[in-house]
């Protein structure tokens, strides 16, 4: 910790520690969330804004031509000449006061325009446009120290965006049962039980007594 009570910024790039308490689509929303915590007297030195899914965006601002290059060089050279002229006025004690200043502006404008045109001619028309580059994140997460994360979430409930976990961590998918391609193979048709074996019919005993065979006659 530093003498001001704020955490010291690491000298080398290091991932921040803490729990994700909120996530937003724009940096202004994340900034508004930290401002809201500061208004609630929350220790914002425990909060970190992390941009995820970074992209380099180059926005084209216009077409580049020789007149435009010359005008830009003339303006930048005139500003440099004005700076040199003011230095000459400060350290010069003799002569006219306006002459060194005007001469420095004119000489700076001429050299600036000439240098810009020559530099542009060396490009061979490979970059005939002006642009501005920015690093833009797909989303911005607000991290907070673990011991104060629950309090930060409670305060940010008023403006929304409250989440839990680490930025970029996808929830664990719940597996869903898929129906079988062949229902008959997964669910076979029950076979009816075979019929019980039947015993052969037995004839009931007869009530008429049987006569013994007659003896043979001599």
Protein backbone atom coordinates (compact mmCIF):
# COMPACT_ATOMS: atom_id res chain seq x y z
CA UNK A 1 0.00 0.00 0.00
CA UNK A 2 1.15 3.57 -0.66
CA UNK A 3 1.19 6.45 1.85
CA UNK A 4 -2.09 7.78 0.44
CA UNK A 5 -3.95 4.57 1.27
CA UNK A 6 -4.33 3.53 -2.35
CA UNK A 7 -3.00 0.23 -3.70
CA UNK A 8 0.27 0.55 -5.57
CA UNK A 9 0.05 0.02 -9.33
CA UNK A 10 2.21 -2.98 -10.37
CA UNK A 11 5.36 -2.11 -12.28
CA UNK A 12 4.76 -4.99 -14.71
CA UNK A 13 1.47 -6.02 -16.35
CA UNK A 14 -0.39 -8.16 -13.83
CA UNK A 15 -3.92 -9.53 -13.82
CA UNK A 16 -6.08 -7.86 -11.18
CA UNK A 17 -7.40 -9.83 -8.22
CA UNK A 18 -10.93 -9.77 -6.93
CA UNK A 19 -14.48 -10.81 -7.72
CA UNK A 20 -16.55 -9.57 -10.60
CA UNK A 21 -19.40 -7.51 -9.20
CA UNK A 22 -20.86 -5.99 -12.39
CA UNK A 23 -20.42 -5.94 -16.17
CA UNK A 24 -21.39 -3.31 -18.75
CA UNK A 25 -21.32 -2.92 -22.51
CA UNK A 26 -19.62 0.50 -22.57
CA UNK A 27 -16.85 2.17 -20.60
CA UNK A 28 -19.11 5.08 -19.68
CA UNK A 29 -21.48 2.70 -17.90
CA UNK A 30 -18.60 1.12 -15.99
CA UNK A 31 -17.31 4.58 -15.08
CA UNK A 32 -20.78 5.57 -13.89
CA UNK A 33 -20.85 2.46 -11.68
CA UNK A 34 -17.56 3.41 -10.00
CA UNK A 35 -18.80 6.99 -9.56
CA UNK A 36 -21.92 5.59 -7.91
CA UNK A 37 -19.78 3.61 -5.48
CA UNK A 38 -17.71 6.71 -4.71
CA UNK A 39 -20.89 8.71 -4.00
CA UNK A 40 -21.89 6.01 -1.49
CA UNK A 41 -18.56 6.42 0.38
CA UNK A 42 -17.38 3.01 -0.83
CA UNK A 43 -13.57 2.43 -0.83
CA UNK A 44 -13.15 2.68 -4.60
CA UNK A 45 -9.41 1.97 -4.33
CA UNK A 46 -10.48 -1.68 -4.10
CA UNK A 47 -12.25 -1.50 -7.49
CA UNK A 48 -10.78 -2.26 -10.92
CA UNK A 49 -12.31 -1.83 -14.39
CA UNK A 50 -11.29 -4.63 -16.77
CA UNK A 51 -12.01 -4.54 -20.50
CA UNK A 52 -12.50 -7.94 -22.13
CA UNK A 53 -12.57 -9.01 -25.80
CA UNK A 54 -10.26 -6.19 -26.90
CA UNK A 55 -10.26 -4.92 -30.49
CA UNK A 56 -8.17 -2.32 -32.29
CA UNK A 57 -10.51 0.04 -34.17
CA UNK A 58 -9.18 2.45 -36.80
CA UNK A 59 -11.69 5.07 -37.89
CA UNK A 60 -11.02 6.78 -41.21
CA UNK A 61 -11.43 10.55 -40.87
CA UNK A 62 -10.87 11.72 -44.43
CA UNK A 63 -9.00 11.55 -47.73
CA UNK A 64 -5.37 12.68 -47.86
CA UNK A 65 -4.30 14.96 -50.73
CA UNK A 66 -1.35 17.27 -51.45
CA UNK A 67 -3.28 20.48 -50.55
CA UNK A 68 -4.42 18.96 -47.28
CA UNK A 69 -0.91 17.77 -46.47
CA UNK A 70 0.52 21.19 -47.27
CA UNK A 71 -2.07 22.96 -45.09
CA UNK A 72 -1.38 20.64 -42.15
CA UNK A 73 2.37 21.13 -42.52
CA UNK A 74 1.97 24.91 -42.74
CA UNK A 75 -0.09 25.01 -39.52
CA UNK A 76 2.29 22.81 -37.54
CA UNK A 77 5.33 24.73 -38.85
CA UNK A 78 3.74 28.07 -37.94
CA UNK A 79 3.14 26.90 -34.35
CA UNK A 80 6.76 25.78 -34.06
CA UNK A 81 7.93 29.10 -35.52
CA UNK A 82 5.80 30.99 -33.00
CA UNK A 83 7.46 29.06 -30.18
CA UNK A 84 10.95 29.85 -31.52
CA UNK A 85 10.02 33.51 -32.03
CA UNK A 86 8.86 33.85 -28.44
CA UNK A 87 12.14 32.39 -27.24
CA UNK A 88 14.03 34.95 -29.36
CA UNK A 89 11.97 37.77 -27.88
CA UNK A 90 12.71 36.59 -24.35
CA UNK A 91 16.49 36.41 -24.83
CA UNK A 92 16.87 39.26 -27.32
CA UNK A 93 17.34 42.76 -25.91
CA UNK A 94 17.84 44.78 -29.09
CA UNK A 95 16.06 45.36 -32.36
CA UNK A 96 12.39 45.40 -33.21
CA UNK A 97 10.13 43.28 -31.02
CA UNK A 98 7.85 42.09 -33.81
CA UNK A 99 10.42 41.26 -36.48
CA UNK A 100 11.92 38.10 -34.89
CA UNK A 101 8.45 36.80 -34.07
CA UNK A 102 6.98 37.30 -37.56
CA UNK A 103 10.11 35.99 -39.27
CA UNK A 104 10.14 32.87 -37.09
CA UNK A 105 6.45 32.16 -37.87
CA UNK A 106 6.95 32.54 -41.63
CA UNK A 107 10.13 30.46 -41.71
CA UNK A 108 8.53 27.73 -39.57
CA UNK A 109 5.40 27.64 -41.77
CA UNK A 110 7.48 27.36 -44.96
CA UNK A 111 9.68 24.58 -43.66
CA UNK A 112 6.70 22.72 -42.17
CA UNK A 113 4.78 22.79 -45.45
CA UNK A 114 7.84 21.74 -47.49
CA UNK A 115 8.74 18.89 -45.14
CA UNK A 116 5.15 17.56 -45.10
CA UNK A 117 4.83 17.56 -48.90
CA UNK A 118 8.18 15.79 -49.37
CA UNK A 119 7.32 13.17 -46.76
CA UNK A 120 3.92 12.49 -48.34
CA UNK A 121 5.45 12.13 -51.79
CA UNK A 122 7.70 9.34 -50.51
CA UNK A 123 4.66 7.22 -49.56
CA UNK A 124 3.78 6.68 -53.23
CA UNK A 125 0.04 6.97 -52.59
CA UNK A 126 -0.08 3.85 -50.41
CA UNK A 127 -1.95 5.59 -47.62
CA UNK A 128 -4.14 8.36 -49.01
CA UNK A 129 -6.33 8.77 -45.95
CA UNK A 130 -6.20 9.99 -42.36
CA UNK A 131 -7.44 7.93 -39.45
CA UNK A 132 -7.59 7.66 -35.67
CA UNK A 133 -6.98 4.38 -33.81
CA UNK A 134 -8.52 3.21 -30.54
CA UNK A 135 -8.48 0.08 -28.40
CA UNK A 136 -12.12 -0.86 -27.73
CA UNK A 137 -13.38 -3.66 -25.48
CA UNK A 138 -16.45 -5.76 -26.10
CA UNK A 139 -17.51 -5.47 -22.45
CA UNK A 140 -16.24 -3.85 -19.26
CA UNK A 141 -16.24 -5.68 -15.93
CA UNK A 142 -16.02 -4.07 -12.51
CA UNK A 143 -13.89 -6.10 -10.07
CA UNK A 144 -13.72 -5.61 -6.34
CA UNK A 145 -11.70 -7.09 -3.48
CA UNK A 146 -13.27 -10.25 -2.11
CA UNK A 147 -13.90 -8.87 1.38
CA UNK A 148 -15.98 -5.96 0.01
CA UNK A 149 -17.55 -7.62 -3.05
CA UNK A 150 -20.91 -8.29 -1.39
CA UNK A 151 -21.21 -4.64 -0.34
CA UNK A 152 -20.35 -3.41 -3.85
CA UNK A 153 -23.02 -5.68 -5.38
CA UNK A 154 -25.60 -4.39 -2.92
CA UNK A 155 -24.81 -0.77 -3.86
CA UNK A 156 -24.77 -1.45 -7.61
CA UNK A 157 -28.21 -3.09 -7.52
CA UNK A 158 -29.62 0.42 -7.87
CA UNK A 159 -28.14 0.91 -11.36
CA UNK A 160 -28.02 -2.71 -12.58
CA UNK A 161 -25.35 -4.83 -14.19
CA UNK A 162 -24.64 -6.94 -11.10
CA UNK A 163 -23.08 -10.36 -11.79
CA UNK A 164 -20.79 -12.84 -10.04
CA UNK A 165 -17.58 -14.67 -10.97
CA UNK A 166 -14.56 -13.81 -13.12
CA UNK A 167 -14.96 -11.77 -16.35
CA UNK A 168 -15.25 -13.99 -19.40
CA UNK A 169 -16.06 -17.15 -17.46
CA UNK A 170 -18.85 -18.97 -19.24
CA UNK A 171 -21.44 -20.82 -17.16
CA UNK A 172 -21.16 -24.58 -17.05
CA UNK A 173 -23.63 -26.01 -19.57
CA UNK A 174 -26.18 -28.45 -18.27
CA UNK A 175 -26.31 -31.57 -20.47
CA UNK A 176 -29.72 -32.24 -21.95
CA UNK A 177 -30.81 -35.75 -22.91
CA UNK A 178 -30.97 -36.28 -26.66
CA UNK A 179 -33.59 -38.61 -28.11
CA UNK A 180 -32.19 -41.77 -29.74
CA UNK A 181 -32.01 -41.86 -33.50
CA UNK A 182 -33.75 -45.28 -33.56
CA UNK A 183 -36.55 -45.38 -31.00
CA UNK A 184 -37.11 -49.08 -31.56
CA UNK A 185 -33.50 -49.84 -30.58
CA UNK A 186 -33.64 -47.74 -27.41
CA UNK A 187 -37.13 -48.73 -26.41
CA UNK A 188 -37.79 -52.35 -27.67
CA UNK A 189 -41.35 -53.56 -27.92
CA UNK A 190 -42.13 -55.87 -24.98
CA UNK A 191 -42.68 -59.48 -26.00
CA UNK A 192 -45.87 -61.04 -24.56
CA UNK A 193 -45.23 -64.04 -22.28
CA UNK A 194 -45.52 -67.40 -23.97
CA UNK A 195 -48.56 -69.60 -23.11
CA UNK A 196 -48.07 -72.13 -20.33
CA UNK A 197 -47.73 -75.75 -21.57
CA UNK A 198 -51.01 -77.64 -21.33
CA UNK A 199 -51.20 -81.19 -19.95
CA UNK A 200 -52.87 -83.88 -22.06
CA UNK A 201 -56.50 -84.45 -21.14
CA UNK A 202 -57.14 -87.30 -18.70
CA UNK A 203 -60.37 -89.28 -19.13
CA UNK A 204 -62.34 -89.81 -15.94
CA UNK A 205 -62.57 -93.38 -14.58
CA UNK A 206 -65.64 -95.37 -15.69
CA UNK A 207 -68.19 -96.52 -13.06
CA UNK A 208 -68.93 -99.90 -14.90
CA UNK A 209 -66.68 -102.70 -13.59
CA UNK A 210 -64.79 -104.60 -16.16
CA UNK A 211 -65.56 -108.41 -16.62
CA UNK A 212 -62.61 -110.76 -16.30
CA UNK A 213 -62.01 -112.89 -19.37
CA UNK A 214 -63.87 -116.27 -19.47
CA UNK A 215 -61.77 -119.38 -18.88
CA UNK A 216 -61.19 -121.55 -21.89
CA UNK A 217 -63.58 -124.61 -22.31
CA UNK A 218 -62.18 -128.12 -22.53
